[in-house]
């Protein structure tokens, strides 16, 4: 199948414990081996968001036809977060926001995140984050979480990373997408049992699912293969592999 492939969920930065380095040339080799045209990259493994975003910007500046930047900020430094968003989007040309509450210790609907979300809402930007966390309350409902965020910040498109991951999470993520017009699902997972892609596409709709790999933490070839071999239409595969991300981010490729 000849189609553009946009990997919506990629990481950069030198993290030896994850087998990561910070050489764009090596990353390009991996993209080419997997058949990925463009990688949307973020750097969440660094305490200083400014330094992390500068690494992302270096990739994009050197290879603008292969990399798209996602800005990372954290409520750990509330007085810096909005200023860094201004810089990341107005000066560095980032396209969306990645949050990582695992390091913050509070979930993505915690009020500490609201100044970040309000900033994104004013600009109508996408935000990607996980659906659930180890510190969530037992009664958590993924649809209720994203309905509340969707209603409070109606101009934000919420991209659920890993599409909820395990089967129960996938079911909740699909229901959130059904109930919230501006929720999309990203596909990478290490829990991708048979039928996962079909569940996401048939449940949420072929316009609401985007391919991601979590590269280099996971193998992009495996994550693409799950979509390429899924029992969905060729049209749906093209949308999931690239067209939906291009539309969301306004990419002309």
Protein backbone atom coordinates (compact mmCIF):
# COMPACT_ATOMS: atom_id res chain seq x y z
CA UNK A 1 0.00 0.00 0.00
CA UNK A 2 1.51 3.31 -1.12
CA UNK A 3 0.53 5.94 1.42
CA UNK A 4 2.09 8.60 3.62
CA UNK A 5 2.90 7.40 7.14
CA UNK A 6 2.89 9.92 9.99
CA UNK A 7 4.02 8.57 13.35
CA UNK A 8 2.16 10.69 15.90
CA UNK A 9 3.94 9.37 19.00
CA UNK A 10 7.76 9.40 19.02
CA UNK A 11 10.36 10.32 21.63
CA UNK A 12 13.82 11.85 21.31
CA UNK A 13 16.63 12.56 23.72
CA UNK A 14 19.63 10.73 25.13
CA UNK A 15 18.27 8.05 27.47
CA UNK A 16 20.62 5.08 27.50
CA UNK A 17 18.37 2.96 29.71
CA UNK A 18 15.82 3.03 26.90
CA UNK A 19 18.33 2.56 24.11
CA UNK A 20 17.89 6.18 23.01
CA UNK A 21 20.49 8.65 21.76
CA UNK A 22 20.17 12.16 20.36
CA UNK A 23 21.50 11.75 16.82
CA UNK A 24 18.95 12.73 14.16
CA UNK A 25 20.89 10.72 11.57
CA UNK A 26 20.33 7.51 13.51
CA UNK A 27 16.68 8.36 13.96
CA UNK A 28 16.31 8.83 10.20
CA UNK A 29 17.73 5.36 9.66
CA UNK A 30 15.02 3.95 11.92
CA UNK A 31 12.28 5.92 10.17
CA UNK A 32 13.44 4.70 6.78
CA UNK A 33 13.65 1.09 7.97
CA UNK A 34 10.08 1.26 9.26
CA UNK A 35 8.65 3.15 6.27
CA UNK A 36 7.72 6.23 8.32
CA UNK A 37 7.68 9.50 6.37
CA UNK A 38 7.30 11.94 9.28
CA UNK A 39 7.81 11.48 13.02
CA UNK A 40 6.03 13.71 15.55
CA UNK A 41 8.63 13.96 18.29
CA UNK A 42 8.59 15.01 21.92
CA UNK A 43 11.09 14.90 24.79
CA UNK A 44 9.48 14.20 28.17
CA UNK A 45 12.47 12.53 29.84
CA UNK A 46 14.15 15.76 30.94
CA UNK A 47 13.36 17.88 33.96
CA UNK A 48 13.99 21.19 32.19
CA UNK A 49 11.22 21.64 29.62
CA UNK A 50 13.11 24.40 27.82
CA UNK A 51 16.14 22.19 27.27
CA UNK A 52 13.90 19.33 26.19
CA UNK A 53 12.04 21.45 23.66
CA UNK A 54 15.32 22.80 22.31
CA UNK A 55 16.39 19.24 21.49
CA UNK A 56 13.12 18.69 19.61
CA UNK A 57 13.58 21.97 17.76
CA UNK A 58 17.08 20.91 16.71
CA UNK A 59 15.68 17.82 15.01
CA UNK A 60 12.96 19.79 13.24
CA UNK A 61 15.34 22.56 12.12
CA UNK A 62 17.80 20.07 10.65
CA UNK A 63 15.23 17.81 8.99
CA UNK A 64 11.96 19.79 8.62
CA UNK A 65 10.54 17.35 6.09
CA UNK A 66 10.92 14.38 8.45
CA UNK A 67 10.15 15.72 11.94
CA UNK A 68 7.27 17.61 13.56
CA UNK A 69 7.72 19.02 17.05
CA UNK A 70 5.46 18.51 20.07
CA UNK A 71 6.09 20.82 23.03
CA UNK A 72 6.45 19.42 26.54
CA UNK A 73 5.62 21.44 29.65
CA UNK A 74 4.89 20.44 33.23
CA UNK A 75 2.90 21.96 36.13
CA UNK A 76 5.96 21.35 38.32
CA UNK A 77 6.94 24.86 37.19
CA UNK A 78 3.63 26.73 36.75
CA UNK A 79 5.25 30.13 36.40
CA UNK A 80 7.35 28.84 33.50
CA UNK A 81 4.87 26.62 31.64
CA UNK A 82 2.91 29.26 29.72
CA UNK A 83 6.05 31.24 28.89
CA UNK A 84 7.60 28.07 27.51
CA UNK A 85 4.48 27.39 25.44
CA UNK A 86 4.72 30.89 23.98
CA UNK A 87 8.33 30.25 23.04
CA UNK A 88 7.76 26.72 21.77
CA UNK A 89 4.96 27.66 19.40
CA UNK A 90 5.81 31.22 18.43
CA UNK A 91 9.56 30.76 18.07
CA UNK A 92 10.21 27.02 17.67
CA UNK A 93 7.17 26.16 15.55
CA UNK A 94 5.76 23.29 17.60
CA UNK A 95 2.47 21.76 16.43
CA UNK A 96 0.90 20.22 19.53
CA UNK A 97 1.46 19.63 23.26
CA UNK A 98 2.54 16.45 25.05
CA UNK A 99 1.86 16.12 28.76
CA UNK A 100 3.26 13.39 30.99
CA UNK A 101 1.51 13.26 34.37
CA UNK A 102 3.48 10.15 35.39
CA UNK A 103 6.29 12.49 36.50
CA UNK A 104 3.94 15.04 38.04
CA UNK A 105 2.14 12.49 40.19
CA UNK A 106 -1.32 13.82 39.42
CA UNK A 107 -3.65 12.93 36.53
CA UNK A 108 -4.13 14.92 33.35
CA UNK A 109 -7.42 16.43 34.56
CA UNK A 110 -5.89 17.83 37.74
CA UNK A 111 -6.52 21.61 38.07
CA UNK A 112 -2.76 22.21 38.11
CA UNK A 113 -2.85 21.55 34.37
CA UNK A 114 -5.64 24.04 33.68
CA UNK A 115 -3.43 27.07 32.85
CA UNK A 116 -1.73 24.92 30.20
CA UNK A 117 -5.08 23.75 28.87
CA UNK A 118 -6.50 27.27 28.84
CA UNK A 119 -3.53 28.41 26.76
CA UNK A 120 -4.07 25.55 24.32
CA UNK A 121 -7.81 26.19 24.22
CA UNK A 122 -7.26 29.80 23.14
CA UNK A 123 -5.20 28.56 20.19
CA UNK A 124 -7.26 25.47 19.38
CA UNK A 125 -4.32 23.08 19.75
CA UNK A 126 -4.15 19.30 20.21
CA UNK A 127 -2.90 17.85 23.49
CA UNK A 128 -1.71 14.25 23.80
CA UNK A 129 -1.64 12.39 27.10
CA UNK A 130 -2.41 9.02 28.62
CA UNK A 131 -5.95 7.95 29.53
CA UNK A 132 -5.24 6.49 32.97
CA UNK A 133 -2.51 6.49 35.62
CA UNK A 134 -1.44 4.33 38.58
CA UNK A 135 -2.59 7.05 40.97
CA UNK A 136 -6.14 7.28 39.56
CA UNK A 137 -9.08 6.63 41.92
CA UNK A 138 -10.68 3.17 41.64
CA UNK A 139 -13.94 4.57 40.24
CA UNK A 140 -12.28 6.38 37.32
CA UNK A 141 -14.29 6.54 34.10
CA UNK A 142 -12.27 7.45 31.02
CA UNK A 143 -15.33 8.84 29.16
CA UNK A 144 -16.30 11.00 32.16
CA UNK A 145 -12.73 12.31 32.47
CA UNK A 146 -12.56 13.39 28.85
CA UNK A 147 -16.14 14.63 28.75
CA UNK A 148 -15.25 17.03 31.56
CA UNK A 149 -12.08 18.17 29.79
CA UNK A 150 -13.93 18.41 26.48
CA UNK A 151 -16.63 20.61 28.01
CA UNK A 152 -14.23 22.86 29.91
CA UNK A 153 -11.77 23.30 27.00
CA UNK A 154 -13.91 22.86 23.86
CA UNK A 155 -11.28 24.05 21.38
CA UNK A 156 -8.68 21.47 22.39
CA UNK A 157 -8.42 18.19 20.50
CA UNK A 158 -7.56 15.49 23.04
CA UNK A 159 -5.38 12.69 21.69
CA UNK A 160 -5.49 9.64 23.97
CA UNK A 161 -2.04 8.07 23.79
CA UNK A 162 -2.00 4.27 23.45
CA UNK A 163 -5.80 4.45 22.98
CA UNK A 164 -6.23 3.36 26.59
CA UNK A 165 -3.68 0.51 26.26
CA UNK A 166 -5.28 -2.61 27.81
CA UNK A 167 -8.65 -3.88 26.58
CA UNK A 168 -10.63 -2.18 29.35
CA UNK A 169 -8.85 1.07 28.62
CA UNK A 170 -9.47 0.72 24.89
CA UNK A 171 -13.17 0.28 25.50
CA UNK A 172 -13.22 3.42 27.66
CA UNK A 173 -11.19 5.38 25.12
CA UNK A 174 -13.53 4.38 22.30
CA UNK A 175 -16.52 5.47 24.37
CA UNK A 176 -14.81 8.80 25.10
CA UNK A 177 -14.29 9.34 21.37
CA UNK A 178 -17.91 8.46 20.66
CA UNK A 179 -19.16 10.97 23.22
CA UNK A 180 -16.61 13.72 22.58
CA UNK A 181 -16.25 15.05 19.01
CA UNK A 182 -12.73 16.35 19.71
CA UNK A 183 -11.18 13.17 21.13
CA UNK A 184 -8.85 11.10 18.96
CA UNK A 185 -7.07 7.81 19.66
CA UNK A 186 -3.41 7.01 19.03
CA UNK A 187 -2.60 3.35 18.46
CA UNK A 188 0.78 2.37 19.97
CA UNK A 189 0.66 -0.21 22.72
CA UNK A 190 2.47 -3.19 24.17
CA UNK A 191 -0.93 -4.72 24.99
CA UNK A 192 -2.19 -4.97 21.41
CA UNK A 193 -4.07 -8.24 21.37
CA UNK A 194 -5.66 -9.48 18.16
CA UNK A 195 -8.49 -7.23 16.99
CA UNK A 196 -7.33 -4.06 18.75
CA UNK A 197 -7.13 -1.88 15.63
CA UNK A 198 -10.50 -3.13 14.43
CA UNK A 199 -12.00 -2.29 17.84
CA UNK A 200 -10.64 1.25 17.72
CA UNK A 201 -11.58 2.01 14.11
CA UNK A 202 -15.00 0.36 14.17
CA UNK A 203 -15.79 1.88 17.56
CA UNK A 204 -14.46 5.42 17.27
CA UNK A 205 -14.58 5.81 13.48
CA UNK A 206 -11.84 5.80 10.86
CA UNK A 207 -11.41 9.58 11.11
CA UNK A 208 -10.60 9.45 14.84
CA UNK A 209 -7.66 7.03 15.01
CA UNK A 210 -3.98 7.84 14.33
CA UNK A 211 -0.93 5.63 14.04
CA UNK A 212 1.80 5.99 16.66
CA UNK A 213 4.72 3.78 17.63
CA UNK A 214 6.23 5.15 20.87
CA UNK A 215 9.54 4.83 19.01
CA UNK A 216 12.27 4.12 20.05
CA UNK A 217 10.65 2.61 23.15
CA UNK A 218 8.74 0.26 20.85
CA UNK A 219 9.37 -0.99 17.33
CA UNK A 220 7.66 1.14 14.68
CA UNK A 221 7.57 -1.80 12.25
CA UNK A 222 5.46 -3.88 14.61
CA UNK A 223 3.10 -0.99 15.29
CA UNK A 224 2.65 -0.32 11.55
CA UNK A 225 2.10 -4.02 10.91
CA UNK A 226 -0.84 -4.07 13.30
CA UNK A 227 -2.57 -1.50 11.11
CA UNK A 228 -1.46 -2.85 7.74
CA UNK A 229 -2.82 -6.32 8.56
CA UNK A 230 -6.00 -5.17 10.32
CA UNK A 231 -9.36 -6.17 8.87
CA UNK A 232 -10.39 -2.64 7.95
CA UNK A 233 -10.74 -0.94 4.56
CA UNK A 234 -7.77 0.39 2.60
CA UNK A 235 -9.30 3.84 2.96
CA UNK A 236 -9.35 3.49 6.74
CA UNK A 237 -5.74 2.28 6.79
CA UNK A 238 -4.61 5.34 4.85
CA UNK A 239 -6.42 7.61 7.28
CA UNK A 240 -4.99 5.91 10.35
CA UNK A 241 -1.45 5.71 8.99
CA UNK A 242 -1.20 9.34 8.00
CA UNK A 243 -4.12 11.29 6.63
CA UNK A 244 -5.80 11.90 9.99
CA UNK A 245 -2.61 13.28 11.51
CA UNK A 246 -2.00 15.47 8.47
CA UNK A 247 -5.49 16.90 8.78
CA UNK A 248 -5.25 17.46 12.55
CA UNK A 249 -1.88 19.23 12.35
CA UNK A 250 -2.45 21.02 9.06
CA UNK A 251 0.49 19.30 7.39
CA UNK A 252 1.08 19.54 3.67
CA UNK A 253 3.17 16.54 2.73
